[in-house]
Protein backbone atom coordinates (compact mmCIF):
# COMPACT_ATOMS: atom_id res chain seq x y z
CA MET A 1 -0.57 -19.87 -14.70
CA ALA A 2 2.71 -18.59 -15.57
CA THR A 3 3.41 -14.86 -14.64
CA LEU A 4 5.05 -12.86 -17.50
CA LEU A 5 8.15 -10.71 -16.55
CA SER A 6 8.06 -6.85 -16.98
CA ASN A 7 10.76 -5.10 -18.82
CA GLY A 8 12.18 -4.09 -15.46
CA GLN A 9 12.29 -7.62 -14.24
CA GLN A 10 13.94 -8.78 -17.53
CA SER A 11 16.76 -6.38 -17.07
CA LEU A 12 17.22 -7.57 -13.61
CA MET A 13 17.29 -11.06 -14.72
CA ALA A 14 20.09 -10.32 -17.24
CA SER A 15 22.20 -9.02 -14.30
CA ALA A 16 21.44 -12.31 -12.38
CA SER A 17 22.28 -14.76 -15.20
CA ASN A 18 25.65 -15.56 -14.02
CA GLY A 19 24.27 -17.08 -10.77
CA GLN A 20 21.41 -19.05 -12.43
CA GLU A 21 23.13 -22.40 -12.68
CA GLN A 22 24.13 -22.49 -8.99
CA GLN A 23 20.59 -21.81 -8.16
CA GLN A 24 18.86 -24.39 -10.61
CA GLN A 25 18.41 -27.06 -8.03
CA GLN A 26 17.08 -24.72 -5.41
CA GLN A 27 14.68 -23.15 -7.96
CA GLN A 28 13.34 -26.67 -8.80
CA GLN A 29 12.53 -27.30 -5.22
CA GLN A 30 11.02 -23.94 -4.81
CA ARG A 31 8.67 -24.38 -7.69
CA GLN A 32 7.38 -27.53 -6.14
CA ASP A 33 6.68 -25.53 -2.98
CA GLU A 34 4.71 -22.70 -4.58
CA PRO A 35 0.95 -22.48 -3.77
CA GLU A 36 -1.57 -23.97 -5.95
CA GLN A 37 -3.49 -21.80 -8.47
CA GLN A 38 -6.35 -19.79 -6.68
CA HIS A 39 -10.10 -20.54 -7.58
CA VAL A 40 -10.42 -16.92 -8.96
CA GLU A 41 -7.22 -15.51 -10.50
CA ILE A 42 -5.84 -12.64 -8.20
CA ARG A 43 -3.17 -11.34 -10.50
CA LYS A 44 0.03 -9.92 -9.26
CA SER A 45 0.83 -6.46 -10.33
CA SER A 46 3.27 -6.74 -13.26
CA SER A 47 4.28 -3.15 -13.09
CA PRO A 48 7.00 -2.02 -10.57
CA LYS A 49 6.04 -0.90 -7.19
CA PRO A 50 6.15 2.60 -6.34
CA GLY A 51 9.64 4.05 -6.91
CA ALA A 52 11.26 6.66 -9.20
CA MET A 53 10.36 6.80 -12.79
CA PRO A 54 13.18 7.37 -15.26
CA SER A 55 13.18 10.20 -17.90
CA LEU A 56 10.54 9.06 -20.44
CA LYS A 57 11.53 8.81 -24.21
CA LEU A 58 8.38 9.94 -25.95
CA ASN A 59 7.66 8.49 -29.38
CA ARG A 60 4.81 9.44 -31.62
CA MET A 61 1.29 9.85 -30.25
CA GLY A 62 2.73 10.07 -26.77
CA SER A 63 3.91 6.47 -26.60
CA VAL A 64 7.09 5.53 -24.70
CA SER A 65 9.67 2.93 -25.36
CA PRO A 66 8.81 -0.52 -24.02
CA LYS A 67 11.66 -0.57 -21.54
CA ASP A 68 10.55 2.66 -19.98
CA LYS A 69 6.88 1.88 -19.78
CA ARG A 70 4.93 1.98 -16.69
CA VAL A 71 1.42 0.46 -15.67
CA TYR A 72 0.62 1.83 -12.33
CA LYS A 73 -2.57 0.49 -10.35
CA ILE A 74 -4.22 2.45 -7.61
CA VAL A 75 -7.30 2.09 -5.39
CA LEU A 76 -9.36 5.06 -4.38
CA THR A 77 -11.20 4.26 -1.14
CA GLY A 78 -12.72 5.77 1.91
CA GLY A 79 -15.97 6.61 3.71
CA PRO A 80 -18.90 8.48 2.27
CA CYS A 81 -18.45 12.14 1.07
CA GLY A 82 -14.52 11.86 0.97
CA GLY A 83 -13.82 13.09 -2.58
CA LYS A 84 -13.44 9.90 -4.50
CA THR A 85 -15.46 10.88 -7.48
CA THR A 86 -13.73 14.34 -7.79
CA GLY A 87 -10.35 12.60 -6.91
CA GLN A 88 -10.86 10.19 -9.99
CA SER A 89 -11.44 13.16 -12.32
CA ARG A 90 -8.50 15.15 -10.93
CA LEU A 91 -6.19 12.19 -11.29
CA CYS A 92 -7.42 11.55 -14.69
CA THR A 93 -6.91 15.08 -15.93
CA PHE A 94 -3.51 15.36 -14.36
CA PHE A 95 -1.99 12.21 -15.89
CA GLU A 96 -3.41 12.63 -19.26
CA ASN A 97 -1.95 15.92 -19.38
CA LEU A 98 1.39 14.29 -18.91
CA GLY A 99 0.65 11.90 -21.83
CA TRP A 100 -0.57 8.85 -19.88
CA LYS A 101 -3.35 6.68 -20.67
CA VAL A 102 -5.82 6.51 -17.87
CA PHE A 103 -8.28 3.82 -17.32
CA ARG A 104 -11.12 4.15 -14.56
CA VAL A 105 -12.48 0.96 -13.13
CA PRO A 106 -16.07 1.37 -11.88
CA GLU A 107 -17.23 0.37 -8.45
CA THR A 108 -18.52 -3.17 -8.99
CA ALA A 109 -21.08 -3.14 -6.37
CA THR A 110 -22.90 -0.12 -7.98
CA VAL A 111 -22.67 -1.58 -11.37
CA LEU A 112 -24.43 -4.71 -10.23
CA LEU A 113 -26.93 -3.39 -7.87
CA SER A 114 -28.10 -0.67 -10.40
CA GLY A 115 -29.30 -3.59 -12.60
CA GLY A 116 -32.25 -4.19 -10.37
CA VAL A 117 -30.88 -6.38 -7.51
CA LYS A 118 -32.49 -5.63 -4.19
CA PHE A 119 -30.81 -6.61 -0.99
CA SER A 120 -34.16 -7.31 0.53
CA ASP A 121 -34.58 -10.07 -2.02
CA LEU A 122 -31.57 -11.76 -1.13
CA THR A 123 -32.33 -12.58 2.55
CA GLU A 124 -34.39 -15.64 3.43
CA LYS A 125 -37.17 -15.86 5.80
CA GLU A 126 -36.85 -12.41 6.67
CA ASP A 127 -39.66 -9.89 7.36
CA PRO A 128 -39.81 -6.74 5.12
CA PRO A 129 -37.46 -4.22 6.67
CA THR A 130 -39.23 -1.72 8.93
CA PRO A 131 -37.92 1.12 11.17
CA THR A 132 -38.10 -1.38 14.15
CA THR A 133 -36.62 -4.47 12.39
CA PHE A 134 -33.85 -3.29 10.21
CA VAL A 135 -31.26 -1.33 12.46
CA TYR A 136 -27.57 -1.31 12.73
CA LYS A 137 -27.64 -3.35 16.08
CA ASP A 138 -23.84 -4.24 15.96
CA LEU A 139 -22.66 -0.59 15.93
CA PRO A 140 -21.75 1.24 19.04
CA PHE A 141 -24.52 3.98 18.30
CA ALA A 142 -27.95 4.45 17.17
CA ALA A 143 -28.39 4.88 13.40
CA PRO A 144 -31.94 6.15 12.80
CA GLU A 145 -30.83 7.90 9.52
CA HIS A 146 -30.13 4.40 7.78
CA SER A 147 -32.67 2.26 9.72
CA LEU A 148 -35.44 2.40 7.18
CA ILE A 149 -34.51 0.93 3.87
CA ASP A 150 -36.76 1.04 0.88
CA LEU A 151 -37.40 -2.17 -0.73
CA THR A 152 -35.87 -0.94 -4.00
CA ALA A 153 -32.67 0.27 -2.19
CA SER A 154 -29.49 -0.92 -3.92
CA CYS A 155 -26.88 0.33 -1.32
CA PRO A 156 -23.76 -1.83 -1.32
CA ARG A 157 -23.29 -1.47 2.26
CA CYS A 158 -26.80 -2.62 2.94
CA LEU A 159 -26.17 -5.70 0.85
CA ALA A 160 -23.14 -6.46 2.83
CA LYS A 161 -24.99 -6.18 6.23
CA ALA A 162 -27.66 -8.45 4.79
CA ALA A 163 -24.93 -10.88 3.94
CA SER A 164 -23.67 -10.95 7.53
CA ARG A 165 -27.16 -11.75 8.95
CA PRO A 166 -27.51 -15.40 10.09
CA ASN A 167 -29.91 -16.44 7.52
CA GLY A 168 -28.45 -14.13 4.61
CA SER A 169 -27.05 -17.08 2.57
CA GLU A 170 -28.15 -15.48 -0.78
CA ALA A 171 -26.84 -12.23 -0.01
CA TYR A 172 -23.54 -13.98 1.15
CA LYS A 173 -23.27 -15.80 -2.10
CA PHE A 174 -24.02 -12.51 -4.08
CA GLN A 175 -21.27 -10.75 -2.04
CA GLU A 176 -18.78 -13.58 -3.12
CA ASN A 177 -19.84 -13.40 -6.66
CA LEU A 178 -19.48 -9.58 -6.51
CA ILE A 179 -15.76 -10.01 -5.54
CA ARG A 180 -15.18 -12.53 -8.21
CA THR A 181 -16.86 -10.10 -10.68
CA MET A 182 -14.67 -7.30 -9.38
CA VAL A 183 -11.47 -9.33 -9.96
CA GLN A 184 -12.47 -10.15 -13.56
CA ILE A 185 -13.47 -6.46 -14.34
CA GLU A 186 -10.09 -5.28 -12.94
CA ASN A 187 -8.26 -7.88 -14.76
CA THR A 188 -9.74 -6.78 -18.03
CA TYR A 189 -8.40 -3.19 -17.30
CA PHE A 190 -5.10 -4.53 -16.19
CA GLU A 191 -4.69 -6.43 -19.43
CA LEU A 192 -5.49 -3.26 -21.38
CA GLY A 193 -2.80 -1.30 -19.47
CA ASN A 194 -0.33 -4.11 -20.20
CA SER A 195 -1.04 -3.76 -23.79
CA SER A 196 -1.04 -0.03 -24.16
CA THR A 197 1.88 1.64 -25.80
CA ARG A 198 1.79 4.45 -23.27
CA ASN A 199 2.41 4.72 -19.69
CA CYS A 200 -0.92 3.68 -18.05
CA LEU A 201 -2.52 4.66 -14.79
CA ILE A 202 -5.51 2.45 -13.65
CA ILE A 203 -7.75 3.94 -11.01
CA CYS A 204 -9.80 1.38 -9.18
CA ASP A 205 -13.17 2.66 -7.49
CA ARG A 206 -12.54 0.62 -4.37
CA GLY A 207 -10.63 -2.64 -4.36
CA VAL A 208 -11.25 -6.32 -3.23
CA MET A 209 -10.33 -5.67 0.35
CA ASP A 210 -13.17 -3.21 0.66
CA ALA A 211 -15.70 -5.89 1.07
CA SER A 212 -14.02 -6.98 4.13
CA ALA A 213 -15.08 -3.72 5.83
CA TYR A 214 -18.74 -4.36 5.61
CA ILE A 215 -18.87 -8.16 6.36
CA SER A 216 -18.43 -9.96 9.69
CA LYS A 217 -14.87 -11.33 10.27
CA ASP A 218 -15.97 -14.95 10.36
CA LYS A 219 -17.87 -14.62 7.14
CA TRP A 220 -14.93 -12.88 5.47
CA GLU A 221 -12.70 -15.55 6.63
CA LYS A 222 -14.91 -18.27 5.44
CA MET A 223 -15.12 -16.64 1.92
CA MET A 224 -11.34 -16.17 1.73
CA ALA A 225 -10.76 -19.96 2.73
CA GLY A 226 -13.54 -21.01 0.31
CA ASN A 227 -11.97 -19.40 -2.72
CA ASN A 228 -8.26 -20.04 -1.70
CA TRP A 229 -7.66 -16.27 -1.38
CA ASN A 230 -5.07 -14.78 1.01
CA PRO A 231 -4.55 -11.04 1.94
CA VAL A 232 -1.00 -10.92 0.55
CA GLU A 233 -2.31 -11.48 -2.92
CA MET A 234 -5.60 -9.67 -2.68
CA ARG A 235 -4.14 -6.53 -0.77
CA ASP A 236 -0.40 -6.24 -1.29
CA ASN A 237 0.61 -7.60 -4.74
CA ARG A 238 -2.60 -6.90 -6.67
CA TYR A 239 -2.39 -2.91 -6.41
CA ASN A 240 0.62 -0.59 -6.51
CA GLN A 241 -0.89 2.11 -4.01
CA ILE A 242 -3.98 2.54 -1.79
CA LEU A 243 -5.36 6.13 -1.29
CA HIS A 244 -7.92 6.52 1.54
CA LEU A 245 -9.88 9.71 1.15
CA VAL A 246 -11.17 10.51 4.53
CA SER A 247 -14.91 11.25 4.85
CA ALA A 248 -15.92 14.97 5.29
CA ALA A 249 -18.00 13.38 8.28
CA ASN A 250 -14.43 13.06 9.97
CA GLY A 251 -12.82 16.59 10.10
CA ALA A 252 -14.98 18.54 7.71
CA GLU A 253 -18.57 18.03 9.14
CA ASP A 254 -19.81 21.22 7.75
CA PHE A 255 -19.10 20.01 4.28
CA TYR A 256 -20.76 16.56 4.70
CA SER A 257 -23.78 16.03 2.39
CA THR A 258 -25.99 13.09 1.16
CA GLU A 259 -27.81 15.06 -1.56
CA ASP A 260 -25.26 14.40 -4.46
CA HIS A 261 -25.21 10.63 -4.22
CA ALA A 262 -28.20 8.50 -4.97
CA CYS A 263 -27.00 5.73 -2.78
CA ARG A 264 -25.89 7.76 0.22
CA SER A 265 -28.11 8.20 3.18
CA GLU A 266 -25.61 7.83 6.04
CA GLY A 267 -25.59 10.24 8.98
CA VAL A 268 -22.44 11.82 10.15
CA ASP A 269 -21.90 9.28 13.01
CA LEU A 270 -22.46 6.31 10.63
CA ALA A 271 -20.27 7.77 8.01
CA ARG A 272 -17.29 8.06 10.42
CA GLU A 273 -17.75 4.51 11.32
CA LEU A 274 -17.84 3.29 7.83
CA ASP A 275 -14.81 5.55 7.01
CA TYR A 276 -12.83 3.84 9.87
CA LYS A 277 -13.78 0.43 8.44
CA SER A 278 -12.80 1.20 5.05
CA ALA A 279 -9.32 2.21 6.19
CA ALA A 280 -8.90 -0.68 8.43
CA ALA A 281 -9.56 -2.99 5.60
CA TRP A 282 -6.38 -1.97 3.84
CA VAL A 283 -4.06 -1.72 6.87
CA GLY A 284 -0.97 -3.69 5.91
CA HIS A 285 -0.46 -2.56 2.34
CA PRO A 286 3.02 -1.36 2.04
CA TYR A 287 1.95 1.76 0.29
CA PHE A 288 -1.14 3.02 1.96
CA ASP A 289 -1.69 6.73 2.09
CA VAL A 290 -4.41 8.46 4.08
CA ILE A 291 -5.54 11.77 2.74
CA ASP A 292 -7.30 13.51 5.61
CA ASN A 293 -9.27 16.73 5.85
CA SER A 294 -6.46 18.85 7.76
CA THR A 295 -6.55 21.26 4.72
CA ASN A 296 -9.36 22.69 2.33
CA PHE A 297 -10.72 20.50 -0.43
CA GLU A 298 -8.55 21.88 -3.25
CA THR A 299 -5.35 21.33 -1.23
CA LYS A 300 -6.73 17.69 -0.37
CA MET A 301 -7.09 17.01 -3.90
CA ASN A 302 -3.40 18.37 -4.64
CA ARG A 303 -2.03 16.23 -1.81
CA MET A 304 -3.63 13.07 -3.34
CA ILE A 305 -2.05 13.82 -6.57
CA GLU A 306 1.34 14.61 -4.97
CA SER A 307 1.15 11.29 -3.20
CA VAL A 308 0.84 9.32 -6.50
CA CYS A 309 3.49 11.36 -8.16
CA GLN A 310 5.97 10.83 -5.21
CA LYS A 311 5.65 7.10 -5.32
CA LEU A 312 5.97 7.08 -9.07
CA GLY A 313 9.17 9.42 -8.95
CA ILE A 314 7.47 11.98 -11.18
CA ASP A 315 9.00 15.37 -10.89
CA ILE A 316 6.26 17.80 -10.60
CA GLY A 317 8.30 20.98 -9.75
CA ASP A 318 6.10 23.62 -8.27
CA ARG A 319 2.95 22.42 -9.79
CA LEU A 320 1.88 20.90 -6.49
CA GLN A 321 3.26 21.99 -3.14
CA ALA A 322 5.36 19.29 -1.58
CA THR A 323 4.06 18.73 1.93
CA SER A 324 4.47 15.16 3.12
CA ARG A 325 7.83 13.88 4.47
CA LYS A 326 9.08 10.57 5.93
CA LEU A 327 9.60 10.62 9.78
CA LYS A 328 11.43 7.98 11.85
CA TYR A 329 11.32 7.70 15.67
CA LEU A 330 13.06 5.49 18.05
CA VAL A 331 10.80 3.58 20.55
CA ALA A 332 11.98 2.49 23.82
CA ILE A 333 10.20 -0.79 24.37
CA LEU A 334 7.29 -2.73 22.59
CA PRO A 335 4.08 -2.42 24.74
CA PRO A 336 1.66 -5.19 24.93
CA ASP A 337 -0.43 -6.14 21.82
CA SER A 338 -3.61 -5.14 23.85
CA GLU A 339 -2.54 -1.50 23.82
CA PHE A 340 -2.55 -1.29 19.95
CA PRO A 341 -5.43 -0.40 17.72
CA PRO A 342 -6.26 -3.21 15.17
CA PHE A 343 -2.90 -4.06 13.43
CA GLN A 344 -1.42 -6.32 10.82
CA ASP A 345 1.88 -8.00 11.46
CA PHE A 346 4.35 -9.05 8.73
CA ASP A 347 7.59 -11.06 8.59
CA VAL A 348 10.04 -8.99 6.71
CA VAL A 349 13.61 -10.14 5.33
CA HIS A 350 15.95 -7.86 3.66
CA HIS A 351 19.26 -8.66 1.68
CA TYR A 352 21.74 -6.20 0.57
CA LEU A 353 23.13 -6.94 -2.86
CA GLN A 354 26.48 -6.21 -4.67
CA SER A 355 26.21 -2.96 -6.52
CA ALA A 356 27.94 -1.41 -9.54
CA GLY A 357 29.49 1.40 -7.73
CA PRO A 358 29.94 2.90 -4.14
CA LYS A 359 27.16 5.34 -4.92
CA VAL A 360 24.58 2.66 -5.74
CA GLN A 361 22.65 0.62 -3.35
CA ALA A 362 20.51 -2.45 -4.12
CA ARG A 363 18.47 -4.73 -1.88
CA LEU A 364 15.90 -7.37 -1.92
CA ARG A 365 12.82 -7.34 0.44
CA LYS A 366 10.59 -10.38 1.14
CA ARG A 367 7.39 -9.43 2.98
CA GLY A 368 4.62 -11.83 4.01
CA GLN A 369 1.98 -13.26 6.28
CA LYS A 370 1.37 -16.97 7.02
CA ASN A 371 3.83 -18.09 4.28
CA HIS A 372 2.30 -15.85 1.55
CA TRP A 373 5.10 -13.51 0.35
CA SER A 374 5.50 -10.55 -1.86
CA TYR A 375 9.08 -9.72 -3.43
CA ILE A 376 10.60 -6.33 -4.22
CA HIS A 377 13.89 -5.21 -5.62
CA THR A 378 15.02 -1.79 -4.68
CA GLN A 379 17.87 0.16 -6.37
CA ARG A 380 19.06 3.64 -5.27
CA ARG A 381 21.00 5.74 -7.79
CA PRO A 382 23.03 8.74 -7.22
CA ASN A 383 22.07 12.28 -7.97
CA VAL A 384 22.01 13.04 -11.76
CA HIS A 385 22.25 16.60 -13.18
CA GLY A 386 21.32 18.19 -9.73
CA GLN A 387 18.15 16.21 -9.60
CA ALA A 388 17.23 14.30 -6.29
CA ARG A 389 18.46 10.85 -5.93
CA ILE A 390 16.15 8.40 -7.40
CA GLU A 391 14.91 5.14 -6.18
CA VAL A 392 13.68 2.42 -8.43
CA LYS A 393 11.39 -0.44 -6.95
CA THR A 394 10.63 -3.60 -9.01
CA GLN A 395 8.11 -6.10 -8.11
CA LEU A 396 9.41 -9.67 -8.56
CA THR A 397 8.26 -13.23 -8.94
CA HIS A 398 9.45 -15.70 -6.36
CA ARG A 399 11.75 -17.22 -9.11
CA ASP A 400 13.31 -13.72 -9.84
CA TYR A 401 13.83 -13.41 -6.07
CA MET A 402 15.71 -16.69 -5.79
CA ASN A 403 18.06 -15.96 -8.74
CA LEU A 404 18.98 -12.48 -7.31
CA LEU A 405 19.99 -13.81 -3.98
CA ALA A 406 22.94 -15.14 -5.77
CA GLN A 407 24.23 -11.50 -5.66
CA ARG A 408 24.02 -11.05 -1.94
CA ASP A 409 26.66 -8.80 -0.38
CA ASP A 410 28.58 -10.71 2.21
CA ALA A 411 29.56 -7.37 3.88
CA HIS A 412 26.04 -6.98 5.29
CA PHE A 413 24.01 -9.13 7.58
CA THR A 414 20.54 -10.12 6.61
CA ILE A 415 17.98 -8.13 8.32
CA TYR A 416 14.85 -9.78 9.88
CA LYS A 417 12.06 -7.67 11.20
CA LYS A 418 8.37 -8.09 12.39
CA ARG A 419 6.60 -5.00 10.81
CA ARG A 420 3.48 -3.99 12.46
CA CYS A 421 1.06 -1.69 10.52
CA PHE A 422 -1.56 0.32 12.30
CA LEU A 423 -3.81 3.31 11.79
CA ILE A 424 -4.59 5.87 14.49
CA ASN A 425 -5.80 9.49 14.30
CA ASN A 426 -6.10 9.24 10.55
CA GLN A 427 -2.34 8.52 10.58
CA TYR A 428 -0.76 5.39 9.07
CA PHE A 429 2.28 3.96 11.03
CA GLN A 430 4.81 1.27 10.49
CA LEU A 431 6.53 -0.24 13.67
CA ASP A 432 9.75 -2.29 12.69
CA ILE A 433 10.74 -4.72 15.47
CA TYR A 434 14.30 -5.92 14.77
CA LYS A 435 14.82 -9.76 15.26
CA GLU A 436 17.69 -12.07 15.60
CA PRO A 437 19.87 -13.27 13.99
CA GLY A 438 21.63 -10.10 13.26
CA HIS A 439 24.45 -7.66 14.53
CA PRO A 440 24.24 -6.93 18.24
CA ARG A 441 23.71 -3.35 17.61
CA CYS A 442 20.03 -4.44 16.33
CA LYS A 443 19.15 -6.30 19.38
CA GLY A 444 16.04 -4.96 20.93
CA LEU A 445 15.72 -2.13 18.36
CA VAL A 446 12.20 -0.73 17.63
CA LEU A 447 11.73 2.00 15.09
CA LEU A 448 8.52 3.84 14.12
CA GLU A 449 7.93 5.35 10.69
CA THR A 450 5.27 7.56 9.25
CA TYR A 451 4.72 10.12 6.49
CA SER A 452 3.19 13.44 7.47
CA SER A 453 2.78 17.10 6.47
CA LEU A 454 1.96 18.13 9.94
CA THR A 455 4.44 19.87 12.28
CA GLY A 456 4.63 21.14 15.89
CA ASP A 457 1.87 20.31 18.17
CA ALA A 458 -0.38 19.04 15.29
CA LEU A 459 2.25 16.23 14.73
CA LYS A 460 2.68 15.56 18.33
CA ASN A 461 -1.04 15.15 18.89
CA CYS A 462 -1.39 12.60 16.31
CA MET A 463 1.37 10.33 17.43
CA PRO A 464 0.55 7.04 19.23
CA LYS A 465 0.34 7.95 22.92
CA PHE A 466 0.83 4.38 24.11
CA LEU A 467 4.25 4.15 22.55
CA ASN A 468 7.29 5.31 24.66
CA ILE A 469 9.07 7.48 21.87
CA VAL A 470 12.65 8.24 22.77
CA LYS A 471 13.58 10.75 20.08
CA GLU A 472 13.29 11.37 16.37
CA VAL A 473 16.07 9.85 14.35
CA THR A 474 15.09 11.05 10.87
CA GLY A 475 18.09 11.03 8.75
CA ASP A 476 20.36 9.96 11.53
CA PRO A 477 22.81 7.38 10.08
CA ASP A 478 23.14 5.42 13.20
CA TYR A 479 19.46 4.12 12.52
CA SER A 480 19.99 3.61 8.65
CA MET A 481 19.28 -0.02 7.81
CA PHE A 482 22.31 -0.12 5.43
CA ASN A 483 24.50 1.12 8.38
CA LEU A 484 22.72 -1.33 10.81
CA SER A 485 23.21 -4.35 8.66
CA LEU A 486 27.08 -3.86 8.19
CA LYS A 487 29.24 -6.62 9.55
CA GLU A 488 32.41 -4.50 10.02
CA ASP A 489 32.78 -1.98 13.03
CA TRP A 490 31.41 1.38 12.17
CA SER A 491 34.64 2.94 13.30
CA THR A 492 36.89 1.14 10.94
CA THR A 493 34.73 0.54 7.79
CA LYS A 494 34.71 2.55 4.72
CA LYS A 495 31.13 1.59 3.82
CA PHE A 496 29.45 3.43 6.62
CA CYS A 497 27.15 6.19 5.24
CA ARG A 498 27.35 9.42 7.13
CA SER A 499 25.13 12.63 7.08
CA ALA A 500 26.68 15.98 7.10
CA THR A 501 23.44 17.39 8.17
CA HIS A 502 22.98 15.41 11.28
CA GLY A 503 25.90 16.53 13.40
CA LYS A 504 28.26 13.88 11.99
CA GLN A 505 30.74 15.68 9.66
CA GLU A 506 32.92 13.48 7.56
CA GLU A 507 36.24 15.15 8.75
CA GLN A 508 35.42 13.81 12.29
CA SER A 509 36.04 10.35 10.97
CA PRO A 510 39.51 8.91 10.23
CA VAL A 511 37.89 6.66 7.42
CA PRO A 512 36.23 8.34 4.44
CA ALA A 513 32.81 7.44 4.21
CA LYS A 514 29.77 7.37 1.90
CA GLN A 515 27.46 10.55 1.94
CA TYR A 516 24.18 9.42 3.66
CA HIS A 517 21.09 10.66 1.95
CA PRO A 518 17.92 11.00 4.13
CA TYR A 519 15.80 9.27 1.54
CA ASP A 520 17.97 6.19 1.84
CA GLU A 521 15.57 5.03 4.42
CA ASN A 522 12.30 5.01 2.56
CA SER A 523 10.56 1.88 3.76
CA ASP A 524 9.65 -1.10 1.23
């Protein structure tokens, strides 16, 4: 099935037209190498990845000009009693007040199971569940709160547990069909968003990867292989942003309740475990934000909205307090894999492109696992009318990516990395391990990145203790990927970006240099 280009992609294609003839033979070969169509269509997001949104040109009835239109797809996930229902409502109200159209995709498991499906009917040769026969034997703690399940229960987590039982073939098949149904329901809303004349926010109550949190690894891998699914398409390309709302059972235990949800009966310990599994299912997504319980609930909701606005580049002024900031640290050496919590590794390739002027940066990013890739074009523009420098990210097809490679800037090395993503202490980290070939200055370089609103001891306590962190290098131009990729020597090149706020005044250098902006190092 051909992938339609978004308006942003069409403008990029126009800028690449001069190099298309030279790439024609290469494109033909690459098309032959593209993977076969999946059994169930897992559509790539046709809207740009998180980035800055240009000023909107509103027409009648709140519509926007087609070239400026955005369709932004997010997933709200998390453990029990995390605030997903309230979060949906708050996001809906906030963006509708901005003139956006908002669609809310219902949780597919609840929709199907509320129709009379009983997980106990989907297990073969099983005795009726009793307090002694149906327990969470695979959890590292007792769970008497959820050990007795009524025959009419329709809990999605119970269904998933039933699907993992050795003789739960019907439950397994139902879980597989549930995911297929979820994909089709989401695609319906995605099409509505694409056809809307307004900017559109699509909020998914959980996403396809959430199913992996409640099913055994071998069953999940079997299901993935049987349907020709892969994590890059299902997790990274399908949604623009993932928001994990941490359960009140983890950090706000006094507010944890099961009374307001017909399908919630987990105790605090079990809720913590489910919350962790839900977060782990999404580790690896390039725009994964964990909204924890370090603040009161009202501020938690504001942080959630702020996170979406930041990724979209919407200027919210003082409507929401800016809290989160990007942090970068130099790591001395990479420890053994055994010391890490569960992680996802990706191969990442960056190409800097020729730009229209000295204050504009453009680059391509290829990111993938097991030869499945996602492609992003990033362009950073200078400050306009005193506003912060904006960054525009556009998701590309493989064909667009190959065309734009014709604009590579020969003044820069191609950057090769292994990116390791992991979650610890409710904090999401990305560890970039630079690989050869590259400039000698990148040899052995390991950088840790995270976003956090914490400071002082609170921030120190959430950092990975198993990593030997040398120092913080946030805003240090010596660790800017743009500078690290330069082929020329830093002492003689005019392209080196300096930071007047990091102890490197421009007058100290005999060569005039660009002004470095701390947000130049946002990861993509």
